[in-house]
Amino acid sequence: MKSMYDVRQLLKKYGTIIYTGERSLDLSLMVDELRELHEWKMIETTLYMQALHIIRQEQRTVERVEGE
């Protein structure tokens, strides 16, 4: 897993498509969905951690862009 596209595809595999029109809210909802998938043992810990890392990087990028 290397990109947000990969994270979206992972969520889509489990029937979750997130689009609210607000990027920061989308990212927060993705974290919530991933947490639930991990708690239900539907995804492995390594995959969960990789996805969280990618989302957190994207959140920092969004914060920088919105702050300008």
PDB file of N, CA and C in Angstrom:
ATOM      1  N   MET A   1       0.850  -1.167   0.000  1.00  0.00           N
ATOM      2  CA  MET A   1       0.000   0.000   0.000  1.00  0.00           C
ATOM      3  C   MET A   1       0.895   1.230   0.000  1.00  0.00           C
ATOM      4  N   LYS A   2       0.683   2.089  -1.010  1.00  0.00           N
ATOM      5  CA  LYS A   2       1.582   3.225  -1.160  1.00  0.00           C
ATOM      6  C   LYS A   2       0.881   4.572  -1.339  1.00  0.00           C
ATOM      7  N   SER A   3      -0.412   4.573  -1.611  1.00  0.00           N
ATOM      8  CA  SER A   3      -1.070   5.842  -1.926  1.00  0.00           C
ATOM      9  C   SER A   3      -2.509   5.871  -1.401  1.00  0.00           C
ATOM     10  N   MET A   4      -3.103   7.055  -1.466  1.00  0.00           N
ATOM     11  CA  MET A   4      -4.499   7.204  -1.071  1.00  0.00           C
ATOM     12  C   MET A   4      -5.398   6.357  -1.963  1.00  0.00           C
ATOM     13  N   TYR A   5      -5.011   6.205  -3.214  1.00  0.00           N
ATOM     14  CA  TYR A   5      -5.776   5.345  -4.121  1.00  0.00           C
ATOM     15  C   TYR A   5      -5.860   3.930  -3.541  1.00  0.00           C
ATOM     16  N   ASP A   6      -4.739   3.437  -3.046  1.00  0.00           N
ATOM     17  CA  ASP A   6      -4.709   2.096  -2.451  1.00  0.00           C
ATOM     18  C   ASP A   6      -5.615   2.010  -1.220  1.00  0.00           C
ATOM     19  N   VAL A   7      -5.620   3.062  -0.413  1.00  0.00           N
ATOM     20  CA  VAL A   7      -6.481   3.092   0.778  1.00  0.00           C
ATOM     21  C   VAL A   7      -7.947   3.062   0.348  1.00  0.00           C
ATOM     22  N   ARG A   8      -8.292   3.887  -0.653  1.00  0.00           N
ATOM     23  CA  ARG A   8      -9.669   3.910  -1.140  1.00  0.00           C
ATOM     24  C   ARG A   8     -10.090   2.543  -1.691  1.00  0.00           C
ATOM     25  N   GLN A   9      -9.177   1.888  -2.408  1.00  0.00           N
ATOM     26  CA  GLN A   9      -9.478   0.566  -2.965  1.00  0.00           C
ATOM     27  C   GLN A   9      -9.680  -0.469  -1.853  1.00  0.00           C
ATOM     28  N   LEU A  10      -8.900  -0.365  -0.793  1.00  0.00           N
ATOM     29  CA  LEU A  10      -9.067  -1.266   0.348  1.00  0.00           C
ATOM     30  C   LEU A  10     -10.453  -1.087   0.966  1.00  0.00           C
ATOM     31  N   LEU A  11     -10.837   0.167   1.201  1.00  0.00           N
ATOM     32  CA  LEU A  11     -12.157   0.427   1.778  1.00  0.00           C
ATOM     33  C   LEU A  11     -13.265  -0.034   0.834  1.00  0.00           C
ATOM     34  N   LYS A  12     -13.075   0.208  -0.450  1.00  0.00           N
ATOM     35  CA  LYS A  12     -14.067  -0.198  -1.449  1.00  0.00           C
ATOM     36  C   LYS A  12     -14.258  -1.717  -1.452  1.00  0.00           C
ATOM     37  N   LYS A  13     -13.176  -2.440  -1.234  1.00  0.00           N
ATOM     38  CA  LYS A  13     -13.226  -3.908  -1.170  1.00  0.00           C
ATOM     39  C   LYS A  13     -14.209  -4.378  -0.098  1.00  0.00           C
ATOM     40  N   TYR A  14     -14.355  -3.582   0.956  1.00  0.00           N
ATOM     41  CA  TYR A  14     -15.265  -3.918   2.047  1.00  0.00           C
ATOM     42  C   TYR A  14     -16.577  -3.137   1.968  1.00  0.00           C
ATOM     43  N   GLY A  15     -16.846  -2.544   0.807  1.00  0.00           N
ATOM     44  CA  GLY A  15     -18.128  -1.890   0.576  1.00  0.00           C
ATOM     45  C   GLY A  15     -18.237  -0.468   1.081  1.00  0.00           C
ATOM     46  N   THR A  16     -17.120   0.184   1.320  1.00  0.00           N
ATOM     47  CA  THR A  16     -17.144   1.546   1.849  1.00  0.00           C
ATOM     48  C   THR A  16     -16.573   2.525   0.834  1.00  0.00           C
ATOM     49  N   ILE A  17     -17.403   3.477   0.430  1.00  0.00           N
ATOM     50  CA  ILE A  17     -16.953   4.564  -0.437  1.00  0.00           C
ATOM     51  C   ILE A  17     -17.256   5.851   0.316  1.00  0.00           C
ATOM     52  N   ILE A  18     -16.228   6.662   0.515  1.00  0.00           N
ATOM     53  CA  ILE A  18     -16.392   7.886   1.299  1.00  0.00           C
ATOM     54  C   ILE A  18     -16.124   9.094   0.416  1.00  0.00           C
ATOM     55  N   TYR A  19     -17.142   9.963   0.318  1.00  0.00           N
ATOM     56  CA  TYR A  19     -16.963  11.237  -0.365  1.00  0.00           C
ATOM     57  C   TYR A  19     -17.988  12.207   0.188  1.00  0.00           C
ATOM     58  N   THR A  20     -17.509  13.187   0.948  1.00  0.00           N
ATOM     59  CA  THR A  20     -18.402  14.194   1.510  1.00  0.00           C
ATOM     60  C   THR A  20     -18.245  15.533   0.809  1.00  0.00           C
ATOM     61  N   GLY A  21     -17.175  15.666   0.039  1.00  0.00           N
ATOM     62  CA  GLY A  21     -16.883  16.937  -0.602  1.00  0.00           C
ATOM     63  C   GLY A  21     -15.899  17.767   0.205  1.00  0.00           C
ATOM     64  N   GLU A  22     -15.654  17.354   1.443  1.00  0.00           N
ATOM     65  CA  GLU A  22     -14.684  18.045   2.296  1.00  0.00           C
ATOM     66  C   GLU A  22     -13.553  17.066   2.610  1.00  0.00           C
ATOM     67  N   ARG A  23     -12.382  17.340   2.074  1.00  0.00           N
ATOM     68  CA  ARG A  23     -11.262  16.400   2.129  1.00  0.00           C
ATOM     69  C   ARG A  23     -10.894  15.988   3.555  1.00  0.00           C
ATOM     70  N   SER A  24     -10.819  16.944   4.468  1.00  0.00           N
ATOM     71  CA  SER A  24     -10.412  16.611   5.839  1.00  0.00           C
ATOM     72  C   SER A  24     -11.444  15.703   6.518  1.00  0.00           C
ATOM     73  N   LEU A  25     -12.714  15.924   6.241  1.00  0.00           N
ATOM     74  CA  LEU A  25     -13.765  15.065   6.796  1.00  0.00           C
ATOM     75  C   LEU A  25     -13.691  13.666   6.185  1.00  0.00           C
ATOM     76  N   ASP A  26     -13.442  13.586   4.882  1.00  0.00           N
ATOM     77  CA  ASP A  26     -13.273  12.283   4.222  1.00  0.00           C
ATOM     78  C   ASP A  26     -12.170  11.478   4.902  1.00  0.00           C
ATOM     79  N   LEU A  27     -11.055  12.121   5.179  1.00  0.00           N
ATOM     80  CA  LEU A  27      -9.914  11.433   5.786  1.00  0.00           C
ATOM     81  C   LEU A  27     -10.251  10.935   7.188  1.00  0.00           C
ATOM     82  N   SER A  28     -10.961  11.741   7.957  1.00  0.00           N
ATOM     83  CA  SER A  28     -11.370  11.324   9.305  1.00  0.00           C
ATOM     84  C   SER A  28     -12.306  10.118   9.252  1.00  0.00           C
ATOM     85  N   LEU A  29     -13.231  10.140   8.308  1.00  0.00           N
ATOM     86  CA  LEU A  29     -14.152   9.012   8.163  1.00  0.00           C
ATOM     87  C   LEU A  29     -13.413   7.749   7.725  1.00  0.00           C
ATOM     88  N   MET A  30     -12.401   7.909   6.882  1.00  0.00           N
ATOM     89  CA  MET A  30     -11.599   6.759   6.454  1.00  0.00           C
ATOM     90  C   MET A  30     -10.883   6.127   7.644  1.00  0.00           C
ATOM     91  N   VAL A  31     -10.344   6.964   8.524  1.00  0.00           N
ATOM     92  CA  VAL A  31      -9.674   6.453   9.728  1.00  0.00           C
ATOM     93  C   VAL A  31     -10.667   5.661  10.576  1.00  0.00           C
ATOM     94  N   ASP A  32     -11.867   6.196  10.751  1.00  0.00           N
ATOM     95  CA  ASP A  32     -12.893   5.502  11.539  1.00  0.00           C
ATOM     96  C   ASP A  32     -13.243   4.146  10.930  1.00  0.00           C
ATOM     97  N   GLU A  33     -13.422   4.114   9.619  1.00  0.00           N
ATOM     98  CA  GLU A  33     -13.767   2.860   8.942  1.00  0.00           C
ATOM     99  C   GLU A  33     -12.641   1.839   9.061  1.00  0.00           C
ATOM    100  N   LEU A  34     -11.414   2.294   8.876  1.00  0.00           N
ATOM    101  CA  LEU A  34     -10.274   1.386   8.999  1.00  0.00           C
ATOM    102  C   LEU A  34     -10.165   0.828  10.414  1.00  0.00           C
ATOM    103  N   ARG A  35     -10.399   1.683  11.406  1.00  0.00           N
ATOM    104  CA  ARG A  35     -10.341   1.246  12.802  1.00  0.00           C
ATOM    105  C   ARG A  35     -11.366   0.131  13.050  1.00  0.00           C
ATOM    106  N   GLU A  36     -12.568   0.317  12.526  1.00  0.00           N
ATOM    107  CA  GLU A  36     -13.595  -0.710  12.704  1.00  0.00           C
ATOM    108  C   GLU A  36     -13.209  -2.010  12.002  1.00  0.00           C
ATOM    109  N   LEU A  37     -12.699  -1.914  10.782  1.00  0.00           N
ATOM    110  CA  LEU A  37     -12.275  -3.118  10.061  1.00  0.00           C
ATOM    111  C   LEU A  37     -11.189  -3.858  10.840  1.00  0.00           C
ATOM    112  N   HIS A  38     -10.282  -3.097  11.430  1.00  0.00           N
ATOM    113  CA  HIS A  38      -9.202  -3.714  12.200  1.00  0.00           C
ATOM    114  C   HIS A  38      -9.738  -4.343  13.490  1.00  0.00           C
ATOM    115  N   GLU A  39     -10.626  -3.640  14.174  1.00  0.00           N
ATOM    116  CA  GLU A  39     -11.206  -4.176  15.408  1.00  0.00           C
ATOM    117  C   GLU A  39     -11.980  -5.465  15.146  1.00  0.00           C
ATOM    118  N   TRP A  40     -12.622  -5.546  13.989  1.00  0.00           N
ATOM    119  CA  TRP A  40     -13.391  -6.738  13.625  1.00  0.00           C
ATOM    120  C   TRP A  40     -12.500  -7.817  13.015  1.00  0.00           C
ATOM    121  N   LYS A  41     -11.185  -7.566  13.007  1.00  0.00           N
ATOM    122  CA  LYS A  41     -10.197  -8.524  12.482  1.00  0.00           C
ATOM    123  C   LYS A  41     -10.402  -8.830  10.994  1.00  0.00           C
ATOM    124  N   MET A  42     -10.912  -7.840  10.261  1.00  0.00           N
ATOM    125  CA  MET A  42     -11.116  -8.026   8.825  1.00  0.00           C
ATOM    126  C   MET A  42      -9.871  -7.638   8.033  1.00  0.00           C
ATOM    127  N   ILE A  43      -9.009  -6.807   8.640  1.00  0.00           N
ATOM    128  CA  ILE A  43      -7.729  -6.464   8.016  1.00  0.00           C
ATOM    129  C   ILE A  43      -6.619  -6.678   9.042  1.00  0.00           C
ATOM    130  N   GLU A  44      -5.452  -7.029   8.537  1.00  0.00           N
ATOM    131  CA  GLU A  44      -4.305  -7.286   9.408  1.00  0.00           C
ATOM    132  C   GLU A  44      -3.753  -5.980   9.973  1.00  0.00           C
ATOM    133  N   THR A  45      -3.041  -6.098  11.067  1.00  0.00           N
ATOM    134  CA  THR A  45      -2.465  -4.934  11.738  1.00  0.00           C
ATOM    135  C   THR A  45      -1.492  -4.188  10.832  1.00  0.00           C
ATOM    136  N   THR A  46      -0.671  -4.907  10.076  1.00  0.00           N
ATOM    137  CA  THR A  46       0.303  -4.231   9.205  1.00  0.00           C
ATOM    138  C   THR A  46      -0.398  -3.409   8.136  1.00  0.00           C
ATOM    139  N   LEU A  47      -1.457  -3.947   7.554  1.00  0.00           N
ATOM    140  CA  LEU A  47      -2.214  -3.225   6.537  1.00  0.00           C
ATOM    141  C   LEU A  47      -2.897  -2.007   7.151  1.00  0.00           C
ATOM    142  N   TYR A  48      -3.441  -2.175   8.338  1.00  0.00           N
ATOM    143  CA  TYR A  48      -4.088  -1.083   9.066  1.00  0.00           C
ATOM    144  C   TYR A  48      -3.097   0.051   9.341  1.00  0.00           C
ATOM    145  N   MET A  49      -1.915  -0.306   9.815  1.00  0.00           N
ATOM    146  CA  MET A  49      -0.904   0.705  10.133  1.00  0.00           C
ATOM    147  C   MET A  49      -0.422   1.426   8.874  1.00  0.00           C
ATOM    148  N   GLN A  50      -0.242   0.698   7.787  1.00  0.00           N
ATOM    149  CA  GLN A  50       0.171   1.321   6.528  1.00  0.00           C
ATOM    150  C   GLN A  50      -0.883   2.317   6.057  1.00  0.00           C
ATOM    151  N   ALA A  51      -2.137   1.916   6.108  1.00  0.00           N
ATOM    152  CA  ALA A  51      -3.223   2.794   5.669  1.00  0.00           C
ATOM    153  C   ALA A  51      -3.303   4.041   6.546  1.00  0.00           C
ATOM    154  N   LEU A  52      -3.170   3.879   7.860  1.00  0.00           N
ATOM    155  CA  LEU A  52      -3.194   5.040   8.758  1.00  0.00           C
ATOM    156  C   LEU A  52      -2.051   5.994   8.465  1.00  0.00           C
ATOM    157  N   HIS A  53      -0.886   5.453   8.195  1.00  0.00           N
ATOM    158  CA  HIS A  53       0.279   6.284   7.880  1.00  0.00           C
ATOM    159  C   HIS A  53       0.015   7.120   6.623  1.00  0.00           C
ATOM    160  N   ILE A  54      -0.530   6.509   5.604  1.00  0.00           N
ATOM    161  CA  ILE A  54      -0.830   7.219   4.359  1.00  0.00           C
ATOM    162  C   ILE A  54      -1.869   8.305   4.603  1.00  0.00           C
ATOM    163  N   ILE A  55      -2.905   7.993   5.367  1.00  0.00           N
ATOM    164  CA  ILE A  55      -3.949   8.983   5.650  1.00  0.00           C
ATOM    165  C   ILE A  55      -3.385  10.136   6.469  1.00  0.00           C
ATOM    166  N   ARG A  56      -2.554   9.850   7.442  1.00  0.00           N
ATOM    167  CA  ARG A  56      -1.972  10.927   8.264  1.00  0.00           C
ATOM    168  C   ARG A  56      -1.084  11.838   7.429  1.00  0.00           C
ATOM    169  N   GLN A  57      -0.337  11.273   6.493  1.00  0.00           N
ATOM    170  CA  GLN A  57       0.464  12.100   5.585  1.00  0.00           C
ATOM    171  C   GLN A  57      -0.455  13.017   4.777  1.00  0.00           C
ATOM    172  N   GLU A  58      -1.542  12.470   4.287  1.00  0.00           N
ATOM    173  CA  GLU A  58      -2.495  13.253   3.498  1.00  0.00           C
ATOM    174  C   GLU A  58      -3.145  14.333   4.366  1.00  0.00           C
ATOM    175  N   GLN A  59      -3.450  14.014   5.624  1.00  0.00           N
ATOM    176  CA  GLN A  59      -4.037  15.006   6.526  1.00  0.00           C
ATOM    177  C   GLN A  59      -3.086  16.180   6.734  1.00  0.00           C
ATOM    178  N   ARG A  60      -1.795  15.897   6.884  1.00  0.00           N
ATOM    179  CA  ARG A  60      -0.816  16.980   7.040  1.00  0.00           C
ATOM    180  C   ARG A  60      -0.758  17.847   5.783  1.00  0.00           C
ATOM    181  N   THR A  61      -0.831  17.219   4.628  1.00  0.00           N
ATOM    182  CA  THR A  61      -0.824  17.963   3.367  1.00  0.00           C
ATOM    183  C   THR A  61      -2.054  18.858   3.273  1.00  0.00           C
ATOM    184  N   VAL A  62      -3.206  18.323   3.614  1.00  0.00           N
ATOM    185  CA  VAL A  62      -4.452  19.091   3.564  1.00  0.00           C
ATOM    186  C   VAL A  62      -4.388  20.263   4.537  1.00  0.00           C
ATOM    187  N   GLU A  63      -3.867  20.043   5.740  1.00  0.00           N
ATOM    188  CA  GLU A  63      -3.753  21.118   6.729  1.00  0.00           C
ATOM    189  C   GLU A  63      -2.846  22.231   6.228  1.00  0.00           C
ATOM    190  N   ARG A  64      -1.736  21.856   5.581  1.00  0.00           N
ATOM    191  CA  ARG A  64      -0.821  22.868   5.039  1.00  0.00           C
ATOM    192  C   ARG A  64      -1.496  23.687   3.949  1.00  0.00           C
ATOM    193  N   VAL A  65      -2.217  23.022   3.065  1.00  0.00           N
ATOM    194  CA  VAL A  65      -2.879  23.711   1.953  1.00  0.00           C
ATOM    195  C   VAL A  65      -3.994  24.614   2.474  1.00  0.00           C
ATOM    196  N   GLU A  66      -4.778  24.126   3.424  1.00  0.00           N
ATOM    197  CA  GLU A  66      -5.867  24.929   3.979  1.00  0.00           C
ATOM    198  C   GLU A  66      -5.341  26.091   4.808  1.00  0.00           C
ATOM    199  N   GLY A  67      -4.171  25.952   5.379  1.00  0.00           N
ATOM    200  CA  GLY A  67      -3.578  27.001   6.199  1.00  0.00           C
ATOM    201  C   GLY A  67      -3.010  28.152   5.387  1.00  0.00           C
ATOM    202  N   GLU A  68      -2.833  27.943   4.103  1.00  0.00           N
ATOM    203  CA  GLU A  68      -2.240  29.004   3.259  1.00  0.00           C
ATOM    204  C   GLU A  68      -3.256  30.001   2.808  1.00  0.00           C
TER     205      GLU A  68
END
